[in-house]
Amino acid sequence: MEILGRIFDNKVTGEETVLGRKAWRMESEPRAGYKPADRQEEEALASRRVNWFDEEDGFAIRATSLFIRPANGFQPGTAIGVELLKVGEEWLPDSQAIRADMKIMAGIHGRVDSRQHYYDYKRFTVDTTVTPQ
């Protein structure tokens, strides 16, 4: 999340409930005129982002990215979203959605519409022994 403060202009745009928890909504636009320092920053600047931060923990519990220009094969209009759920003391994936238009190589285009939902997390313990050989 450190990248948000460095290369995006951010503003808190409201308070919403996400998976039953109060959260602040923050919209992030690529900073105008910012020169990316590396490939990661260049790819990040290709999208607008919205993040929801849990009011109690300050943790990003929902994030969406909407591509506004091509990057890493993703074409404008591609949307990627993820939600996290608090299980015990940990934040774990609840769902992920990707709706993507992709250009893999010259003349090769593809579309992806994928949704995943994670559930039934169980806590377990494991005893291990390391045996040198």
Protein backbone atom coordinates (compact mmCIF):
# COMPACT_ATOMS: atom_id res chain seq x y z
CA MET A 1 0.00 0.00 0.00
CA GLU A 2 3.03 2.27 0.30
CA ILE A 3 2.91 2.76 -3.48
CA LEU A 4 -0.49 4.49 -3.15
CA GLY A 5 0.98 7.44 -1.27
CA ARG A 6 3.94 7.78 -3.59
CA ILE A 7 2.50 7.62 -7.11
CA PHE A 8 -1.24 8.27 -6.71
CA ASP A 9 -3.38 11.24 -5.70
CA ASN A 10 -5.67 9.83 -3.01
CA LYS A 11 -8.83 11.05 -1.37
CA VAL A 12 -11.19 9.51 1.15
CA THR A 13 -14.62 9.58 -0.48
CA GLY A 14 -16.84 8.05 2.15
CA GLU A 15 -17.61 5.39 4.68
CA GLU A 16 -19.17 2.07 3.68
CA THR A 17 -19.81 -1.37 5.12
CA VAL A 18 -17.73 -4.18 3.63
CA LEU A 19 -18.48 -7.75 4.69
CA GLY A 20 -20.20 -6.43 7.79
CA ARG A 21 -17.36 -4.08 8.85
CA LYS A 22 -17.21 -0.29 8.72
CA ALA A 23 -14.61 0.89 6.23
CA TRP A 24 -13.28 4.10 4.73
CA ARG A 25 -13.39 4.28 0.92
CA MET A 26 -10.33 5.81 -0.73
CA GLU A 27 -10.12 6.60 -4.45
CA SER A 28 -6.69 6.79 -6.09
CA GLU A 29 -5.87 8.42 -9.43
CA PRO A 30 -2.42 8.16 -11.04
CA ARG A 31 -0.43 11.27 -10.14
CA ALA A 32 -0.25 13.56 -13.20
CA GLY A 33 3.27 14.03 -14.52
CA TYR A 34 4.79 11.38 -12.26
CA LYS A 35 7.71 9.57 -13.93
CA PRO A 36 7.73 5.90 -12.92
CA ALA A 37 10.95 4.67 -11.32
CA ASP A 38 10.55 1.07 -12.46
CA ARG A 39 8.29 -1.40 -14.27
CA GLN A 40 6.15 -2.00 -11.17
CA GLU A 41 5.33 1.70 -10.88
CA GLU A 42 4.69 1.95 -14.63
CA GLU A 43 2.17 -0.91 -14.44
CA ALA A 44 0.52 0.55 -11.32
CA LEU A 45 0.06 3.93 -13.03
CA ALA A 46 -2.01 2.24 -15.74
CA SER A 47 -4.96 1.90 -13.35
CA ARG A 48 -7.37 3.80 -11.16
CA ARG A 49 -7.85 2.22 -7.77
CA VAL A 50 -10.40 2.15 -5.01
CA ASN A 51 -9.49 0.71 -1.62
CA TRP A 52 -11.61 0.20 1.47
CA PHE A 53 -9.76 0.31 4.79
CA ASP A 54 -11.22 -1.31 7.89
CA GLU A 55 -11.91 1.46 10.44
CA GLU A 56 -10.90 -0.70 13.38
CA ASP A 57 -7.69 -2.30 12.03
CA GLY A 58 -6.71 0.10 9.23
CA PHE A 59 -6.23 -2.92 6.95
CA ALA A 60 -7.18 -2.80 3.25
CA ILE A 61 -10.13 -5.20 3.12
CA ARG A 62 -11.35 -4.53 -0.43
CA ALA A 63 -9.41 -3.32 -3.45
CA THR A 64 -10.37 -2.74 -7.05
CA SER A 65 -8.23 -1.71 -9.99
CA LEU A 66 -9.61 -0.44 -13.29
CA PHE A 67 -7.09 -0.24 -16.12
CA ILE A 68 -7.21 3.04 -18.03
CA ARG A 69 -4.37 2.19 -20.41
CA PRO A 70 -2.59 -1.01 -21.53
CA ALA A 71 -0.15 -2.63 -19.11
CA ASN A 72 1.34 -6.10 -18.87
CA GLY A 73 -1.10 -7.42 -21.46
CA PHE A 74 -4.19 -6.00 -19.71
CA GLN A 75 -6.20 -3.63 -21.88
CA PRO A 76 -8.24 -0.57 -20.82
CA GLY A 77 -11.48 -1.60 -19.15
CA THR A 78 -9.93 -4.57 -17.32
CA ALA A 79 -11.16 -4.72 -13.71
CA ILE A 80 -9.58 -6.70 -10.88
CA GLY A 81 -11.07 -6.85 -7.38
CA VAL A 82 -10.34 -8.66 -4.13
CA GLU A 83 -12.03 -8.78 -0.71
CA LEU A 84 -10.51 -9.96 2.55
CA LEU A 85 -12.35 -11.39 5.55
CA LYS A 86 -11.17 -11.42 9.15
CA VAL A 87 -10.93 -15.01 10.39
CA GLY A 88 -9.84 -15.03 14.02
CA GLU A 89 -6.97 -12.54 14.11
CA GLU A 90 -5.97 -12.96 10.45
CA TRP A 91 -7.16 -11.26 7.25
CA LEU A 92 -7.68 -13.94 4.59
CA PRO A 93 -9.02 -13.85 1.01
CA ASP A 94 -12.83 -13.98 0.78
CA SER A 95 -13.30 -13.44 -2.95
CA GLN A 96 -11.57 -12.32 -6.10
CA ALA A 97 -12.98 -11.22 -9.44
CA ILE A 98 -11.21 -10.54 -12.72
CA ARG A 99 -12.83 -9.26 -15.89
CA ALA A 100 -10.03 -8.75 -18.35
CA ASP A 101 -9.43 -7.94 -21.97
CA MET A 102 -5.93 -9.09 -22.81
CA LYS A 103 -3.54 -8.70 -25.68
CA ILE A 104 -0.90 -11.37 -25.34
CA MET A 105 1.00 -10.91 -28.60
CA ALA A 106 0.40 -9.17 -31.89
CA GLY A 107 -2.93 -10.48 -33.16
CA ILE A 108 -3.69 -12.62 -30.10
CA HIS A 109 -6.48 -11.23 -27.93
CA GLY A 110 -8.38 -12.88 -25.13
CA ARG A 111 -11.11 -12.21 -22.60
CA VAL A 112 -11.24 -13.54 -19.07
CA ASP A 113 -14.16 -13.43 -16.64
CA SER A 114 -13.18 -15.24 -13.47
CA ARG A 115 -14.64 -15.26 -9.95
CA GLN A 116 -13.31 -17.14 -6.96
CA HIS A 117 -14.78 -17.46 -3.50
CA TYR A 118 -12.75 -18.80 -0.60
CA TYR A 119 -14.46 -20.35 2.41
CA ASP A 120 -14.42 -22.93 5.18
CA TYR A 121 -11.09 -21.88 6.67
CA LYS A 122 -9.90 -24.17 9.45
CA ARG A 123 -7.13 -23.62 11.97
CA PHE A 124 -4.74 -26.50 12.47
CA THR A 125 -1.43 -27.14 14.17
CA VAL A 126 1.46 -29.20 12.93
CA ASP A 127 4.38 -30.74 14.79
CA THR A 128 7.54 -31.08 12.72
CA THR A 129 10.86 -32.74 13.23
CA VAL A 130 13.93 -31.98 11.16
CA THR A 131 16.15 -35.00 10.64
CA PRO A 132 19.60 -34.25 9.17
CA GLN A 133 20.77 -36.66 6.49
